[in-house]
Structures are given as structure tokens and as C-alpha cells.
C-alpha atoms as a PDB file:
ATOM      1  CA  MET A   1       0.782 -54.616  23.443  1.00  0.00           C
ATOM      2  CA  ASP A   2       4.052 -53.608  22.642  1.00  0.00           C
ATOM      3  CA  ALA A   3       5.965 -53.407  26.150  1.00  0.00           C
ATOM      4  CA  LEU A   4       8.632 -56.292  26.143  1.00  0.00           C
ATOM      5  CA  THR A   5       9.793 -57.098  29.987  1.00  0.00           C
ATOM      6  CA  THR A   6      13.427 -56.633  30.350  1.00  0.00           C
ATOM      7  CA  ALA A   7      13.884 -60.438  30.547  1.00  0.00           C
ATOM      8  CA  SER A   8      12.886 -60.825  26.851  1.00  0.00           C
ATOM      9  CA  GLU A   9      14.200 -57.485  25.733  1.00  0.00           C
ATOM     10  CA  ASN A  10      16.979 -59.850  26.972  1.00  0.00           C
ATOM     11  CA  ALA A  11      16.669 -62.923  25.493  1.00  0.00           C
ATOM     12  CA  LEU A  12      16.139 -61.719  21.333  1.00  0.00           C
ATOM     13  CA  MET A  13      18.698 -59.395  21.957  1.00  0.00           C
ATOM     14  CA  GLY A  14      20.727 -62.753  23.042  1.00  0.00           C
ATOM     15  CA  ALA A  15      18.759 -64.398  19.865  1.00  0.00           C
ATOM     16  CA  LEU A  16      20.136 -62.044  17.207  1.00  0.00           C
ATOM     17  CA  LEU A  17      23.200 -62.607  18.261  1.00  0.00           C
ATOM     18  CA  GLY A  18      23.088 -66.233  18.154  1.00  0.00           C
ATOM     19  CA  THR A  19      21.966 -67.286  21.597  1.00  0.00           C
ATOM     20  CA  SER A  20      18.495 -69.448  21.000  1.00  0.00           C
ATOM     21  CA  TYR A  21      15.733 -69.155  22.982  1.00  0.00           C
ATOM     22  CA  ALA A  22      11.746 -69.903  22.622  1.00  0.00           C
ATOM     23  CA  ALA A  23       9.136 -69.325  25.107  1.00  0.00           C
ATOM     24  CA  THR A  24       7.534 -72.410  27.033  1.00  0.00           C
ATOM     25  CA  PRO A  25       4.145 -72.970  25.552  1.00  0.00           C
ATOM     26  CA  PRO A  26       1.407 -72.988  26.232  1.00  0.00           C
ATOM     27  CA  LEU A  27       1.810 -69.014  26.817  1.00  0.00           C
ATOM     28  CA  MET A  28      -0.774 -67.231  29.427  1.00  0.00           C
ATOM     29  CA  CYS A  29      -2.559 -64.295  29.956  1.00  0.00           C
ATOM     30  CA  ALA A  30      -2.640 -62.841  33.163  1.00  0.00           C
ATOM     31  CA  LEU A  31      -4.748 -59.952  34.527  1.00  0.00           C
ATOM     32  CA  VAL A  32      -3.397 -57.123  36.903  1.00  0.00           C
ATOM     33  CA  THR A  33      -4.634 -54.424  38.923  1.00  0.00           C
ATOM     34  CA  GLU A  34      -1.874 -52.508  39.652  1.00  0.00           C
ATOM     35  CA  MET A  35       0.657 -51.897  36.381  1.00  0.00           C
ATOM     36  CA  GLY A  36       3.741 -53.295  35.941  1.00  0.00           C
ATOM     37  CA  THR A  37       7.126 -51.963  34.728  1.00  0.00           C
ATOM     38  CA  ASP A  38       9.615 -54.331  32.033  1.00  0.00           C
ATOM     39  CA  ALA A  39      11.122 -55.362  35.087  1.00  0.00           C
ATOM     40  CA  MET A  40       8.669 -55.516  37.368  1.00  0.00           C
ATOM     41  CA  PRO A  41       5.177 -57.747  36.894  1.00  0.00           C
ATOM     42  CA  GLY A  42       2.238 -56.359  38.184  1.00  0.00           C
ATOM     43  CA  THR A  43       0.191 -56.731  40.941  1.00  0.00           C
ATOM     44  CA  GLU A  44      -2.177 -59.810  39.903  1.00  0.00           C
ATOM     45  CA  VAL A  45      -5.384 -60.246  40.082  1.00  0.00           C
ATOM     46  CA  THR A  46      -6.398 -63.117  43.217  1.00  0.00           C
ATOM     47  CA  GLY A  47      -9.499 -65.097  44.273  1.00  0.00           C
ATOM     48  CA  GLY A  48     -12.974 -65.910  43.386  1.00  0.00           C
ATOM     49  CA  GLY A  49     -12.530 -68.194  40.051  1.00  0.00           C
ATOM     50  CA  TYR A  50      -9.563 -66.699  38.801  1.00  0.00           C
ATOM     51  CA  ALA A  51      -6.822 -67.853  37.000  1.00  0.00           C
ATOM     52  CA  ARG A  52      -4.480 -67.886  34.608  1.00  0.00           C
ATOM     53  CA  MET A  53      -5.656 -68.311  30.718  1.00  0.00           C
ATOM     54  CA  ALA A  54      -4.232 -70.015  28.060  1.00  0.00           C
ATOM     55  CA  LEU A  55      -3.214 -67.724  24.595  1.00  0.00           C
ATOM     56  CA  ASP A  56      -3.345 -69.167  21.572  1.00  0.00           C
ATOM     57  CA  PRO A  57      -1.708 -67.004  18.697  1.00  0.00           C
ATOM     58  CA  THR A  58      -2.574 -66.930  15.594  1.00  0.00           C
ATOM     59  CA  ALA A  59       0.577 -66.794  12.919  1.00  0.00           C
ATOM     60  CA  VAL A  60       2.724 -63.460  12.047  1.00  0.00           C
ATOM     61  CA  SER A  61       1.212 -61.115  10.336  1.00  0.00           C
ATOM     62  CA  ASP A  62       3.102 -57.815   9.685  1.00  0.00           C
ATOM     63  CA  GLY A  63       4.948 -57.929  13.128  1.00  0.00           C
ATOM     64  CA  TYR A  64       1.072 -58.751  14.801  1.00  0.00           C
ATOM     65  CA  VAL A  65       0.683 -62.441  16.688  1.00  0.00           C
ATOM     66  CA  PHE A  66      -3.327 -61.868  17.782  1.00  0.00           C
ATOM     67  CA  ASN A  67      -5.489 -64.068  20.068  1.00  0.00           C
ATOM     68  CA  SER A  68      -6.766 -67.144  17.618  1.00  0.00           C
ATOM     69  CA  SER A  69      -9.902 -67.883  20.195  1.00  0.00           C
ATOM     70  CA  ALA A  70     -12.153 -65.922  22.899  1.00  0.00           C
ATOM     71  CA  VAL A  71      -9.929 -65.551  26.005  1.00  0.00           C
ATOM     72  CA  THR A  72     -12.533 -65.589  28.486  1.00  0.00           C
ATOM     73  CA  PHE A  73     -11.817 -65.782  33.290  1.00  0.00           C
ATOM     74  CA  SER A  74     -14.570 -66.813  34.719  1.00  0.00           C
ATOM     75  CA  ALA A  75     -16.006 -65.927  37.947  1.00  0.00           C
ATOM     76  CA  MET A  76     -14.047 -63.456  38.676  1.00  0.00           C
ATOM     77  CA  PRO A  77     -13.101 -61.520  42.389  1.00  0.00           C
ATOM     78  CA  THR A  78     -15.026 -57.702  42.844  1.00  0.00           C
ATOM     79  CA  CYS A  79     -11.850 -56.336  41.883  1.00  0.00           C
ATOM     80  CA  THR A  80     -11.195 -53.378  39.218  1.00  0.00           C
ATOM     81  CA  VAL A  81      -8.525 -54.623  36.056  1.00  0.00           C
ATOM     82  CA  VAL A  82      -5.871 -52.489  34.733  1.00  0.00           C
ATOM     83  CA  GLY A  83      -3.514 -54.033  32.630  1.00  0.00           C
ATOM     84  CA  MET A  84      -2.829 -57.474  31.348  1.00  0.00           C
ATOM     85  CA  GLU A  85       0.253 -59.552  31.724  1.00  0.00           C
ATOM     86  CA  ILE A  86       1.666 -62.520  29.190  1.00  0.00           C
ATOM     87  CA  TRP A  87       3.759 -65.096  29.968  1.00  0.00           C
ATOM     88  CA  ASP A  88       4.907 -68.541  29.635  1.00  0.00           C
ATOM     89  CA  SER A  89       4.739 -71.517  31.459  1.00  0.00           C
ATOM     90  CA  ALA A  90       7.915 -71.938  32.475  1.00  0.00           C
ATOM     91  CA  SER A  91       7.390 -68.601  34.637  1.00  0.00           C
ATOM     92  CA  HIS A  92       8.541 -66.095  32.520  1.00  0.00           C
ATOM     93  CA  ARG A  93       7.222 -62.609  32.007  1.00  0.00           C
ATOM     94  CA  LEU A  94       7.076 -61.714  28.060  1.00  0.00           C
ATOM     95  CA  TRP A  95       5.407 -58.910  27.770  1.00  0.00           C
ATOM     96  CA  HIS A  96       2.929 -56.188  29.495  1.00  0.00           C
ATOM     97  CA  GLY A  97       0.213 -53.216  28.317  1.00  0.00           C
ATOM     98  CA  ARG A  98      -2.470 -52.021  29.520  1.00  0.00           C
ATOM     99  CA  ILE A  99      -6.183 -52.183  28.786  1.00  0.00           C
ATOM    100  CA  PRO A 100      -9.007 -49.698  29.447  1.00  0.00           C
ATOM    101  CA  THR A 101      -9.843 -49.797  33.290  1.00  0.00           C
ATOM    102  CA  THR A 102     -12.335 -52.373  33.551  1.00  0.00           C
ATOM    103  CA  PRO A 103     -14.464 -52.774  37.503  1.00  0.00           C
ATOM    104  CA  LEU A 104     -15.972 -55.957  37.799  1.00  0.00           C
ATOM    105  CA  SER A 105     -18.782 -57.529  40.147  1.00  0.00           C
ATOM    106  CA  ASP A 106     -18.175 -61.479  42.188  1.00  0.00           C
ATOM    107  CA  GLN A 107     -18.106 -63.514  40.210  1.00  0.00           C
ATOM    108  CA  GLU A 108     -18.398 -62.046  36.527  1.00  0.00           C
ATOM    109  CA  ALA A 109     -16.712 -63.294  33.441  1.00  0.00           C
ATOM    110  CA  LEU A 110     -14.668 -61.021  31.663  1.00  0.00           C
ATOM    111  CA  THR A 111     -14.098 -62.300  27.705  1.00  0.00           C
ATOM    112  CA  PHE A 112     -11.689 -60.951  25.465  1.00  0.00           C
ATOM    113  CA  PRO A 113     -13.105 -61.680  21.753  1.00  0.00           C
ATOM    114  CA  THR A 114     -11.057 -63.197  19.311  1.00  0.00           C
ATOM    115  CA  GLY A 115      -8.049 -60.564  17.428  1.00  0.00           C
ATOM    116  CA  SER A 116      -8.455 -58.455  20.431  1.00  0.00           C
ATOM    117  CA  ILE A 117      -5.048 -59.526  22.605  1.00  0.00           C
ATOM    118  CA  MET A 118      -2.504 -58.021  20.421  1.00  0.00           C
ATOM    119  CA  VAL A 119       0.796 -57.678  20.573  1.00  0.00           C
ATOM    120  CA  HIS A 120       3.786 -57.605  18.969  1.00  0.00           C
ATOM    121  CA  LEU A 121       7.891 -56.546  19.300  1.00  0.00           C
ATOM    122  CA  GLY A 122       7.380 -52.923  20.394  1.00  0.00           C
ATOM    123  CA  GLY A 123       7.777 -49.773  17.946  1.00  0.00           C
ATOM    124  CA  LEU A 124       4.507 -47.528  16.909  1.00  0.00           C
ATOM    125  CA  PRO A 125       1.224 -49.322  15.614  1.00  0.00           C
ATOM    126  CA  ASP A 126       1.274 -48.658  11.970  1.00  0.00           C
ATOM    127  CA  PRO A 127      -2.036 -46.819  10.846  1.00  0.00           C
ATOM    128  CA  ARG A 128      -5.059 -49.077   9.408  1.00  0.00           C
ATOM    129  CA  THR A 129      -8.361 -47.276   7.839  1.00  0.00           C
ATOM    130  CA  VAL A 130     -11.765 -49.224   8.595  1.00  0.00           C
ATOM    131  CA  THR A 131     -15.034 -48.273   6.658  1.00  0.00           C
ATOM    132  CA  VAL A 132     -18.323 -48.217   8.264  1.00  0.00           C
ATOM    133  CA  SER A 133     -21.058 -47.591   5.394  1.00  0.00           C
ATOM    134  CA  THR A 134     -24.680 -47.074   6.093  1.00  0.00           C
ATOM    135  CA  HIS A 135     -27.973 -47.991   4.556  1.00  0.00           C
ATOM    136  CA  THR A 136     -29.752 -45.654   2.448  1.00  0.00           C
ATOM    137  CA  LEU A 137     -30.455 -42.897   4.869  1.00  0.00           C
ATOM    138  CA  ASP A 138     -32.586 -39.762   4.439  1.00  0.00           C
ATOM    139  CA  ASP A 139     -31.278 -36.330   4.009  1.00  0.00           C
ATOM    140  CA  LEU A 140     -30.720 -35.367   7.751  1.00  0.00           C
ATOM    141  CA  GLN A 141     -31.353 -39.001   9.096  1.00  0.00           C
ATOM    142  CA  THR A 142     -28.860 -40.860  11.602  1.00  0.00           C
ATOM    143  CA  TRP A 143     -27.027 -44.075  11.425  1.00  0.00           C
ATOM    144  CA  GLY A 144     -26.202 -45.734  15.048  1.00  0.00           C
ATOM    145  CA  GLY A 145     -23.857 -48.634  15.307  1.00  0.00           C
ATOM    146  CA  THR A 146     -19.906 -49.230  16.101  1.00  0.00           C
ATOM    147  CA  VAL A 147     -17.118 -49.353  14.059  1.00  0.00           C
ATOM    148  CA  ALA A 148     -13.816 -51.528  14.816  1.00  0.00           C
ATOM    149  CA  LEU A 149     -11.686 -49.088  16.055  1.00  0.00           C
ATOM    150  CA  GLY A 150      -9.550 -51.369  18.986  1.00  0.00           C
ATOM    151  CA  ARG A 151     -10.726 -50.860  22.704  1.00  0.00           C
ATOM    152  CA  THR A 152      -8.160 -47.747  22.465  1.00  0.00           C
ATOM    153  CA  PHE A 153      -7.564 -46.076  19.843  1.00  0.00           C
ATOM    154  CA  LYS A 154      -6.212 -42.458  17.968  1.00  0.00           C
ATOM    155  CA  ILE A 155      -8.018 -41.338  15.065  1.00  0.00           C
ATOM    156  CA  ILE A 156      -5.575 -39.620  12.710  1.00  0.00           C
ATOM    157  CA  ARG A 157      -7.741 -39.389  10.011  1.00  0.00           C
ATOM    158  CA  VAL A 158     -11.542 -39.319   8.278  1.00  0.00           C
ATOM    159  CA  GLU A 159     -12.877 -39.119   4.777  1.00  0.00           C
ATOM    160  CA  CYS A 160     -16.886 -39.289   3.985  1.00  0.00           C
ATOM    161  CA  SER A 161     -18.211 -39.894   0.804  1.00  0.00           C
ATOM    162  CA  HIS A 162     -21.033 -37.231   1.525  1.00  0.00           C
ATOM    163  CA  PRO A 163     -21.962 -34.339   3.474  1.00  0.00           C
ATOM    164  CA  CYS A 164     -22.650 -36.026   7.447  1.00  0.00           C
ATOM    165  CA  ARG A 165     -21.599 -35.152  11.021  1.00  0.00           C
ATOM    166  CA  VAL A 166     -19.710 -38.258  12.535  1.00  0.00           C
ATOM    167  CA  ARG A 167     -19.494 -38.958  16.031  1.00  0.00           C
ATOM    168  CA  VAL A 168     -18.034 -41.637  18.182  1.00  0.00           C
ATOM    169  CA  TYR A 169     -18.274 -42.685  21.621  1.00  0.00           C
ATOM    170  CA  SER A 170     -16.767 -44.922  25.085  1.00  0.00           C
ATOM    171  CA  THR A 171     -20.107 -46.562  25.658  1.00  0.00           C
ATOM    172  CA  LEU A 172     -23.735 -47.337  24.076  1.00  0.00           C
ATOM    173  CA  ALA A 173     -25.263 -45.004  27.105  1.00  0.00           C
ATOM    174  CA  GLN A 174     -23.121 -41.575  26.435  1.00  0.00           C
ATOM    175  CA  GLN A 175     -23.847 -42.459  22.358  1.00  0.00           C
ATOM    176  CA  SER A 176     -28.091 -42.320  23.040  1.00  0.00           C
ATOM    177  CA  ALA A 177     -27.382 -39.765  25.723  1.00  0.00           C
ATOM    178  CA  ASP A 178     -26.091 -37.515  23.055  1.00  0.00           C
ATOM    179  CA  TYR A 179     -28.011 -38.661  19.722  1.00  0.00           C
ATOM    180  CA  ASN A 180     -30.597 -35.445  20.178  1.00  0.00           C
ATOM    181  CA  ARG A 181     -27.494 -32.419  20.463  1.00  0.00           C
ATOM    182  CA  PRO A 182     -27.516 -30.274  17.756  1.00  0.00           C
ATOM    183  CA  ILE A 183     -24.474 -28.975  15.800  1.00  0.00           C
ATOM    184  CA  GLY A 184     -22.649 -26.687  17.670  1.00  0.00           C
ATOM    185  CA  THR A 185     -24.268 -27.294  21.048  1.00  0.00           C
ATOM    186  CA  LEU A 186     -21.203 -28.647  23.646  1.00  0.00           C
ATOM    187  CA  PRO A 187     -21.239 -31.584  25.252  1.00  0.00           C
ATOM    188  CA  ALA A 188     -22.159 -31.220  28.600  1.00  0.00           C
ATOM    189  CA  GLY A 189     -21.017 -33.635  32.151  1.00  0.00           C
ATOM    190  CA  ASP A 190     -19.756 -37.057  31.350  1.00  0.00           C
ATOM    191  CA  HIS A 191     -20.783 -37.188  27.431  1.00  0.00           C
ATOM    192  CA  GLY A 192     -18.023 -39.400  26.434  1.00  0.00           C
ATOM    193  CA  LEU A 193     -17.608 -37.943  23.221  1.00  0.00           C
ATOM    194  CA  ILE A 194     -14.726 -38.742  21.597  1.00  0.00           C
ATOM    195  CA  PHE A 195     -14.728 -36.936  18.403  1.00  0.00           C
ATOM    196  CA  GLU A 196     -17.135 -35.362  16.241  1.00  0.00           C
ATOM    197  CA  TYR A 197     -16.471 -33.914  12.456  1.00  0.00           C
ATOM    198  CA  VAL A 198     -19.347 -32.292  10.015  1.00  0.00           C
ATOM    199  CA  ALA A 199     -18.094 -33.096   6.599  1.00  0.00           C
ATOM    200  CA  ASP A 200     -19.984 -30.835   4.196  1.00  0.00           C
ATOM    201  CA  ALA A 201     -19.239 -30.966   0.361  1.00  0.00           C
ATOM    202  CA  THR A 202     -15.148 -29.168   0.108  1.00  0.00           C
ATOM    203  CA  HIS A 203     -14.196 -30.919   3.194  1.00  0.00           C
ATOM    204  CA  LEU A 204     -15.133 -34.599   2.726  1.00  0.00           C
ATOM    205  CA  SER A 205     -11.733 -34.994   4.722  1.00  0.00           C
ATOM    206  CA  ALA A 206      -9.408 -34.503   7.612  1.00  0.00           C
ATOM    207  CA  ASP A 207      -6.390 -34.883   8.556  1.00  0.00           C
ATOM    208  CA  LEU A 208      -6.956 -34.867  12.668  1.00  0.00           C
ATOM    209  CA  SER A 209      -4.847 -32.460  14.431  1.00  0.00           C
ATOM    210  CA  PRO A 210      -4.981 -32.446  17.184  1.00  0.00           C
ATOM    211  CA  GLN A 211      -5.627 -36.960  16.954  1.00  0.00           C
ATOM    212  CA  ALA A 212      -8.910 -38.332  18.875  1.00  0.00           C
ATOM    213  CA  GLU A 213      -7.511 -40.695  21.644  1.00  0.00           C
ATOM    214  CA  GLY A 214     -10.292 -42.775  23.078  1.00  0.00           C
ATOM    215  CA  SER A 215     -11.150 -46.042  24.438  1.00  0.00           C
ATOM    216  CA  ASN A 216     -14.410 -47.780  24.460  1.00  0.00           C
ATOM    217  CA  LEU A 217     -15.583 -47.598  28.344  1.00  0.00           C
ATOM    218  CA  GLU A 218     -18.047 -49.961  28.309  1.00  0.00           C
ATOM    219  CA  GLN A 219     -17.731 -52.491  31.400  1.00  0.00           C
ATOM    220  CA  SER A 220     -16.492 -55.533  29.379  1.00  0.00           C
ATOM    221  CA  SER A 221     -14.923 -53.832  27.116  1.00  0.00           C
ATOM    222  CA  VAL A 222     -15.099 -54.993  23.155  1.00  0.00           C
ATOM    223  CA  PRO A 223     -13.318 -53.350  19.959  1.00  0.00           C
ATOM    224  CA  ASP A 224     -16.413 -51.960  18.447  1.00  0.00           C
ATOM    225  CA  ILE A 225     -17.184 -47.649  19.192  1.00  0.00           C
ATOM    226  CA  ALA A 226     -20.601 -46.538  19.444  1.00  0.00           C
ATOM    227  CA  THR A 227     -20.734 -44.158  16.694  1.00  0.00           C
ATOM    228  CA  TYR A 228     -23.164 -41.954  14.866  1.00  0.00           C
ATOM    229  CA  ILE A 229     -23.452 -40.565  11.429  1.00  0.00           C
ATOM    230  CA  GLN A 230     -26.014 -37.775  10.189  1.00  0.00           C
ATOM    231  CA  ASN A 231     -26.459 -37.903   6.525  1.00  0.00           C
ATOM    232  CA  ARG A 232     -26.166 -34.114   5.539  1.00  0.00           C
ATOM    233  CA  SER A 233     -26.172 -34.814   2.027  1.00  0.00           C
ATOM    234  CA  GLY A 234     -28.930 -32.726   0.628  1.00  0.00           C
ATOM    235  CA  GLY A 235     -30.495 -36.274  -0.641  1.00  0.00           C
ATOM    236  CA  ASN A 236     -30.800 -40.482  -0.028  1.00  0.00           C
ATOM    237  CA  VAL A 237     -28.410 -41.768  -0.049  1.00  0.00           C
ATOM    238  CA  ASP A 238     -25.081 -44.759   1.202  1.00  0.00           C
ATOM    239  CA  VAL A 239     -23.297 -43.264   3.531  1.00  0.00           C
ATOM    240  CA  SER A 240     -19.251 -44.016   4.138  1.00  0.00           C
ATOM    241  CA  VAL A 241     -16.701 -43.531   6.303  1.00  0.00           C
ATOM    242  CA  THR A 242     -13.497 -44.171   5.747  1.00  0.00           C
ATOM    243  CA  PHE A 243     -10.888 -44.005   9.124  1.00  0.00           C
ATOM    244  CA  THR A 244      -7.315 -43.825   9.124  1.00  0.00           C
ATOM    245  CA  TYR A 245      -6.164 -45.019  13.237  1.00  0.00           C
ATOM    246  CA  LEU A 246      -3.867 -46.481  15.155  1.00  0.00           C
ATOM    247  CA  LYS A 247      -4.687 -49.507  17.358  1.00  0.00           C
ATOM    248  CA  LEU A 248      -3.591 -48.829  21.239  1.00  0.00           C
ATOM    249  CA  GLU A 249      -5.227 -51.599  22.305  1.00  0.00           C
ATOM    250  CA  VAL A 250      -6.901 -54.138  21.263  1.00  0.00           C
END
């Protein structure tokens, strides 16, 4: 998340001008059912076994900090979580950001795996790349798996090692339901298709316009995104696909 609160912005501006400032550890993660603003907190979850959970941050790397261990909210009440806020232990709200909308049942747990909470000081995230490689596929055989793009992301470029068909989905169920759809047939209903690209021998890569933005909409959202890769090379090959993307929410 990159949305600093107004108080954090003021404190950091003061620090740049020579006023000392430090958050009071430990940092705590709070979940909200309605988003706040830079100036005002959101509506925090209440009830059940909900409590704020400690964030153990990594060292700063390239301007980013991540959670160094999983953060689990146990025994949640029935609610729909839409965002997270990070507070220090002196009740200063530091960051806030949206997460994929997550409906929860009574007593259900919500876990954010290691590295899935990202904070920085604002501005646009830098483009990243991730490569997914299949095992050896027969011609027209399809590999199904996931690619680590983040909970919310924007794909800006795709590069393929061989002619192939690439599809990216919001959920595993939507991925499975779309398995047999022929090329050229539009998906129907609540299809969850975020991105599809058919690469041939002369078009193995593309800069996307419009760019493909999506989220993992599983109930317990994780940064691994359901993906199909179909070999269309005419032979038996390992297919590699490299995504250039912006990680908007980890």
C-alpha cells in the first residue's frame, strides 16, 4: 500500500526538514469494512475474535518494505473486508490501502502470506517481471497453474518463448470453467478472464494497450493468479512466458 495518512505525510515532511520522527513499534495491521481517507480512518472490523495483528517488516529494499512472516487474523466475525490500515503502537495511523474485497464467514481466518503486504512512501510502483515455465508440452497441450503477480496487478507486456495461448483468471474455478473455450469465442457470463494473448511465430511479444488490470478474487486471496498456457508451436516444447507488470496490491 502506498497511501500515507495525512499525519504520516506531515511527520515525514518534518523529518526531511530536521524534525526527528519515528513510529512506535510494533506496527499493527488493522482490517476495515469501509475505506477511510488520508485524514480519516476507515471502519475497522469488530466482533468475533478479531484483533489487530503485528507486522514484522523486512529491511527496506528498493523503497519497499514487506511483511517478513505471515499475518493471520483468526476467528473473524461475519463481514466483508475491503482494506487494511497500518498503525503504530502509539495509535498513529501510518498507511492505508485497498485489498480485494473479501467476504468472511463467522470464525473464518484470513491470512496474508509472507511478502504479501507491501508498503512504500507513495508514487507509482516500478514495473516488475515474472517468468512462468511449463514442463514439456505436446502441441496443443495446455498447462494450468499460477503466476505470482500480486493480489491486484496490471500486466503491461507479455513475452513468449514459443507460439502459445496465454490466459489469466480471477479465480481457479473460473479458470477451470473456461478450459475448453475455443480461440475466437468470447467468454460468457461471470467468466473471470483478465487477460488472453495468442502468440504466433512472428508475434511472440506484445506491449499491451489497453493494459490488463485484475485481482485474485478467491475468498482467501493470495498473490498467485490462475493461468493457462497452451503450446501452439507445432512441436513438443517447454514454454516460458514472461509478464512485465505493476504490482498494485500484494
